[in-house]
Amino acid sequence: MTGGKTDEAKGRVKEAAGALTGNEKLKREGKVDQVVGKAKQKVKKVVDKVKNALG
């Protein structure tokens, strides 16, 4: 599984490439990848907090 920051960066690249080429599908995929990346980062923070609280 890739990290959240990796997904977010990949999404930015896809979105930019889509904007440059006029490819709306690629732009949308980039935006989705960015949202997924941000969500993964938030989940990881919660998991880390729970681990710290328990251990």
Protein backbone atom coordinates (compact mmCIF):
# COMPACT_ATOMS: atom_id res chain seq x y z
CA MET A 1 0.00 0.00 0.00
CA THR A 2 1.31 3.44 -0.87
CA GLY A 3 1.48 6.18 1.67
CA GLY A 4 -0.91 9.06 1.80
CA LYS A 5 1.69 11.61 0.81
CA THR A 6 2.64 9.50 -2.20
CA ASP A 7 -0.98 9.29 -3.33
CA GLU A 8 -1.42 13.01 -2.84
CA ALA A 9 1.70 13.83 -4.89
CA LYS A 10 0.69 11.37 -7.61
CA GLY A 11 -2.71 13.05 -7.73
CA ARG A 12 -1.19 16.49 -8.15
CA VAL A 13 0.88 15.24 -11.07
CA LYS A 14 -2.13 13.58 -12.71
CA GLU A 15 -4.27 16.66 -12.24
CA ALA A 16 -1.61 18.91 -13.75
CA ALA A 17 -1.07 16.55 -16.68
CA GLY A 18 -4.80 16.46 -17.29
CA ALA A 19 -4.99 20.23 -17.20
CA LEU A 20 -2.12 20.57 -19.65
CA THR A 21 -3.53 18.04 -22.10
CA GLY A 22 -7.18 18.97 -21.68
CA ASN A 23 -7.94 15.46 -20.38
CA GLU A 24 -10.80 15.91 -17.92
CA LYS A 25 -10.75 12.23 -16.87
CA LEU A 26 -7.09 12.48 -15.87
CA LYS A 27 -7.79 15.69 -13.95
CA ARG A 28 -10.62 13.98 -12.03
CA GLU A 29 -8.45 10.96 -11.28
CA GLY A 30 -5.80 13.30 -9.92
CA LYS A 31 -8.27 15.01 -7.63
CA VAL A 32 -9.53 11.63 -6.38
CA ASP A 33 -5.96 10.47 -5.70
CA GLN A 34 -5.34 13.62 -3.69
CA VAL A 35 -8.45 13.07 -1.56
CA VAL A 36 -7.49 9.43 -0.99
CA GLY A 37 -4.00 10.51 0.04
CA LYS A 38 -5.31 13.04 2.52
CA ALA A 39 -7.72 10.49 3.97
CA LYS A 40 -4.93 7.93 4.40
CA GLN A 41 -2.85 10.50 6.25
CA LYS A 42 -5.71 11.31 8.62
CA VAL A 43 -6.41 7.63 9.30
CA LYS A 44 -2.73 7.04 10.02
CA LYS A 45 -2.74 9.90 12.55
CA VAL A 46 -5.75 8.40 14.33
CA VAL A 47 -4.17 4.94 14.38
CA ASP A 48 -0.95 6.38 15.78
CA LYS A 49 -2.85 8.24 18.50
CA VAL A 50 -4.71 5.08 19.48
CA LYS A 51 -1.47 3.08 19.57
CA ASN A 52 0.15 5.72 21.75
CA ALA A 53 -2.84 5.81 24.09
CA LEU A 54 -2.83 2.04 24.47
CA GLY A 55 0.80 1.41 24.66
